[in-house]
Amino acid sequence: MGILWTIIIGFLAGVIAKFLMPGPNEPAGFILTTILGIVGAFVATFLGQAVGWYGPNQGAGFIGAIVGAVVVLFIYGMIAGRRTTTY
């Protein structure tokens, strides 16, 4: 149930992170944004457990998942922004 809860929270965090990070480097698709939000929630859960903020079976809270999603979206925007297509 913990992984399912992290996925649901990550989905919602990805949607909120999309609204918090508008700009030219934002990911184009809704599906990609929500997937990156889910990844951000897992990253926040892993880092929170490593630091000791969460117990072994606890997931990141909603705020932690949003912060993780924003960080992952920012990193993705930096990587995707470097790719330029010239014809």
Protein backbone atom coordinates (compact mmCIF):
# COMPACT_ATOMS: atom_id res chain seq x y z
CA MET A 1 0.00 0.00 0.00
CA GLY A 2 2.96 2.34 0.61
CA ILE A 3 4.12 2.26 -3.00
CA LEU A 4 0.60 2.84 -4.30
CA TRP A 5 0.19 5.81 -1.95
CA THR A 6 3.53 7.25 -3.14
CA ILE A 7 2.38 6.94 -6.76
CA ILE A 8 -0.91 8.72 -6.03
CA ILE A 9 0.82 11.49 -4.08
CA GLY A 10 3.47 11.74 -6.81
CA PHE A 11 0.79 12.12 -9.46
CA LEU A 12 -0.82 14.98 -7.57
CA ALA A 13 2.58 16.50 -6.78
CA GLY A 14 3.49 16.38 -10.49
CA VAL A 15 0.34 18.28 -11.40
CA ILE A 16 1.00 20.92 -8.76
CA ALA A 17 4.69 21.15 -9.70
CA LYS A 18 3.66 21.79 -13.32
CA PHE A 19 1.76 24.87 -12.14
CA LEU A 20 4.64 26.01 -9.91
CA MET A 21 7.26 25.76 -12.67
CA PRO A 22 5.92 27.49 -15.76
CA GLY A 23 8.43 28.60 -18.31
CA PRO A 24 10.14 27.75 -21.56
CA ASN A 25 11.96 24.69 -20.16
CA GLU A 26 8.88 22.93 -18.84
CA PRO A 27 8.06 19.44 -20.08
CA ALA A 28 5.53 19.50 -22.88
CA GLY A 29 3.19 16.70 -21.93
CA PHE A 30 0.85 16.06 -19.04
CA ILE A 31 1.84 12.39 -18.89
CA LEU A 32 5.55 13.19 -18.77
CA THR A 33 4.98 15.75 -16.03
CA THR A 34 3.02 13.34 -13.88
CA ILE A 35 5.62 10.60 -14.40
CA LEU A 36 8.33 13.03 -13.32
CA GLY A 37 6.15 13.93 -10.33
CA ILE A 38 5.95 10.27 -9.35
CA VAL A 39 9.73 9.99 -9.70
CA GLY A 40 10.08 13.10 -7.53
CA ALA A 41 7.88 11.54 -4.84
CA PHE A 42 10.05 8.41 -4.85
CA VAL A 43 13.21 10.54 -4.68
CA ALA A 44 11.76 12.53 -1.76
CA THR A 45 10.80 9.29 0.00
CA PHE A 46 14.25 7.78 -0.51
CA LEU A 47 16.11 10.91 0.59
CA GLY A 48 13.79 11.47 3.54
CA GLN A 49 14.37 7.92 4.75
CA ALA A 50 18.13 8.26 4.23
CA VAL A 51 18.27 11.48 6.25
CA GLY A 52 15.96 10.11 8.93
CA TRP A 53 12.92 12.31 8.38
CA TYR A 54 10.72 9.31 7.55
CA GLY A 55 10.62 5.84 9.01
CA PRO A 56 11.42 2.69 7.02
CA ASN A 57 7.81 2.19 5.90
CA GLN A 58 6.81 5.84 5.61
CA GLY A 59 6.53 7.71 2.35
CA ALA A 60 7.20 11.36 1.72
CA GLY A 61 4.46 13.69 2.77
CA PHE A 62 2.57 15.80 0.29
CA ILE A 63 4.87 18.82 0.67
CA GLY A 64 7.97 16.63 0.40
CA ALA A 65 6.62 15.02 -2.74
CA ILE A 66 5.92 18.44 -4.29
CA VAL A 67 9.46 19.59 -3.48
CA GLY A 68 10.86 16.37 -4.96
CA ALA A 69 8.72 16.80 -8.09
CA VAL A 70 9.82 20.42 -8.54
CA VAL A 71 13.47 19.39 -8.22
CA VAL A 72 13.07 16.56 -10.76
CA LEU A 73 11.17 18.85 -13.15
CA PHE A 74 13.88 21.49 -12.80
CA ILE A 75 16.63 18.99 -13.57
CA TYR A 76 14.64 17.66 -16.53
CA GLY A 77 14.12 21.22 -17.80
CA MET A 78 17.85 21.87 -17.60
CA ILE A 79 18.67 18.70 -19.52
CA ALA A 80 15.90 19.13 -22.09
CA GLY A 81 16.76 22.82 -22.53
CA ARG A 82 20.29 21.95 -23.63
CA ARG A 83 19.07 19.88 -26.53
CA THR A 84 18.65 22.09 -29.56
CA THR A 85 17.62 21.00 -32.98
CA THR A 86 19.15 22.69 -36.00
CA TYR A 87 18.01 22.07 -39.51
